[in-house]
C-alpha atoms as a PDB file:
ATOM      1  CA  MET A   1     -79.479  69.143-131.408  1.00  0.00           C
ATOM      2  CA  LYS A   2     -76.049  68.759-131.043  1.00  0.00           C
ATOM      3  CA  ALA A   3     -76.571  65.900-128.395  1.00  0.00           C
ATOM      4  CA  LEU A   4     -79.009  64.273-131.148  1.00  0.00           C
ATOM      5  CA  LEU A   5     -76.572  64.567-133.846  1.00  0.00           C
ATOM      6  CA  ILE A   6     -73.781  63.149-131.347  1.00  0.00           C
ATOM      7  CA  PHE A   7     -76.517  60.316-130.427  1.00  0.00           C
ATOM      8  CA  LEU A   8     -77.136  59.441-133.996  1.00  0.00           C
ATOM      9  CA  GLY A   9     -73.518  59.546-134.881  1.00  0.00           C
ATOM     10  CA  LEU A  10     -72.497  57.371-132.407  1.00  0.00           C
ATOM     11  CA  MET A  11     -74.941  54.969-133.392  1.00  0.00           C
ATOM     12  CA  LEU A  12     -74.138  54.996-136.642  1.00  0.00           C
ATOM     13  CA  LEU A  13     -70.861  53.958-135.850  1.00  0.00           C
ATOM     14  CA  THR A  14     -71.749  51.339-133.955  1.00  0.00           C
ATOM     15  CA  THR A  15     -74.227  49.981-136.095  1.00  0.00           C
ATOM     16  CA  SER A  16     -71.591  49.952-138.976  1.00  0.00           C
ATOM     17  CA  ALA A  17     -69.290  47.863-137.800  1.00  0.00           C
ATOM     18  CA  GLY A  18     -69.077  44.312-138.197  1.00  0.00           C
ATOM     19  CA  TYR A  19     -72.873  44.565-139.972  1.00  0.00           C
ATOM     20  CA  GLY A  20     -74.424  41.533-140.234  1.00  0.00           C
ATOM     21  CA  GLN A  21     -72.193  39.531-137.510  1.00  0.00           C
ATOM     22  CA  THR A  22     -73.950  38.682-133.851  1.00  0.00           C
ATOM     23  CA  PRO A  23     -73.354  41.781-131.719  1.00  0.00           C
ATOM     24  CA  ALA A  24     -71.552  40.457-129.040  1.00  0.00           C
ATOM     25  CA  LYS A  25     -73.107  43.341-126.455  1.00  0.00           C
ATOM     26  CA  PRO A  26     -76.761  43.964-126.055  1.00  0.00           C
ATOM     27  CA  HIS A  27     -76.142  47.831-126.756  1.00  0.00           C
ATOM     28  CA  VAL A  28     -74.821  47.157-129.988  1.00  0.00           C
ATOM     29  CA  LYS A  29     -78.177  44.989-130.804  1.00  0.00           C
ATOM     30  CA  GLU A  30     -80.006  47.775-129.387  1.00  0.00           C
ATOM     31  CA  ALA A  31     -78.212  50.668-131.209  1.00  0.00           C
ATOM     32  CA  ARG A  32     -79.380  48.520-134.688  1.00  0.00           C
ATOM     33  CA  GLU A  33     -82.934  48.609-133.789  1.00  0.00           C
ATOM     34  CA  VAL A  34     -83.047  51.933-132.802  1.00  0.00           C
ATOM     35  CA  VAL A  35     -81.360  52.906-136.319  1.00  0.00           C
ATOM     36  CA  GLU A  36     -83.901  50.353-137.881  1.00  0.00           C
ATOM     37  CA  GLU A  37     -86.758  52.286-136.287  1.00  0.00           C
ATOM     38  CA  LEU A  38     -85.722  55.534-137.072  1.00  0.00           C
ATOM     39  CA  ALA A  39     -85.489  54.491-140.846  1.00  0.00           C
ATOM     40  CA  ALA A  40     -89.024  52.792-140.341  1.00  0.00           C
ATOM     41  CA  GLY A  41     -90.660  56.034-139.625  1.00  0.00           C
ATOM     42  CA  GLN A  42     -91.447  54.001-135.869  1.00  0.00           C
ATOM     43  CA  PHE A  43     -90.332  57.512-133.963  1.00  0.00           C
ATOM     44  CA  ALA A  44     -92.741  56.582-130.684  1.00  0.00           C
ATOM     45  CA  LYS A  45     -90.850  53.148-130.544  1.00  0.00           C
ATOM     46  CA  VAL A  46     -87.662  55.298-130.213  1.00  0.00           C
ATOM     47  CA  THR A  47     -88.704  58.039-127.712  1.00  0.00           C
ATOM     48  CA  ALA A  48     -89.889  55.541-125.963  1.00  0.00           C
ATOM     49  CA  ARG A  49     -86.605  53.977-125.185  1.00  0.00           C
ATOM     50  CA  PHE A  50     -85.915  57.914-123.706  1.00  0.00           C
ATOM     51  CA  ASP A  51     -85.129  58.540-120.250  1.00  0.00           C
ATOM     52  CA  GLU A  52     -87.243  61.457-119.043  1.00  0.00           C
ATOM     53  CA  GLN A  53     -84.452  63.875-120.110  1.00  0.00           C
ATOM     54  CA  MET A  54     -84.111  63.276-123.269  1.00  0.00           C
ATOM     55  CA  ARG A  55     -87.753  62.789-124.035  1.00  0.00           C
ATOM     56  CA  ALA A  56     -88.187  66.469-122.921  1.00  0.00           C
ATOM     57  CA  ALA A  57     -85.293  67.467-125.084  1.00  0.00           C
ATOM     58  CA  LEU A  58     -86.266  65.702-128.231  1.00  0.00           C
ATOM     59  CA  PRO A  59     -89.846  64.750-128.123  1.00  0.00           C
ATOM     60  CA  GLU A  60     -91.336  62.205-130.738  1.00  0.00           C
ATOM     61  CA  ALA A  61     -92.466  65.149-133.131  1.00  0.00           C
ATOM     62  CA  ARG A  62     -88.972  66.763-133.050  1.00  0.00           C
ATOM     63  CA  LEU A  63     -87.064  63.544-133.525  1.00  0.00           C
ATOM     64  CA  ALA A  64     -89.365  63.001-136.420  1.00  0.00           C
ATOM     65  CA  ASP A  65     -88.600  66.098-137.924  1.00  0.00           C
ATOM     66  CA  VAL A  66     -84.937  65.704-137.344  1.00  0.00           C
ATOM     67  CA  TRP A  67     -84.679  62.453-138.912  1.00  0.00           C
ATOM     68  CA  GLU A  68     -86.777  63.452-141.754  1.00  0.00           C
ATOM     69  CA  GLY A  69     -84.665  66.681-142.500  1.00  0.00           C
ATOM     70  CA  LEU A  70     -81.319  64.231-142.377  1.00  0.00           C
ATOM     71  CA  GLU A  71     -83.144  61.872-144.639  1.00  0.00           C
ATOM     72  CA  ALA A  72     -83.622  64.997-147.129  1.00  0.00           C
ATOM     73  CA  LYS A  73     -80.365  66.159-147.502  1.00  0.00           C
END
């Protein structure tokens, strides 16, 4: 859970700085895509980006639960 919150926090920080500008680095573009996919409920797309270890720690159903819990707050 702590890893997920750190992951999401870093993604939000990365995507909020200079939003609307052309990303200078590929990881910024990917971070924005992941946040957009999460917001659209496309959890399978997000987990497809994960490596084996991340997928084991945060499978699609768990990611959906966590994201929906964050949206409810």
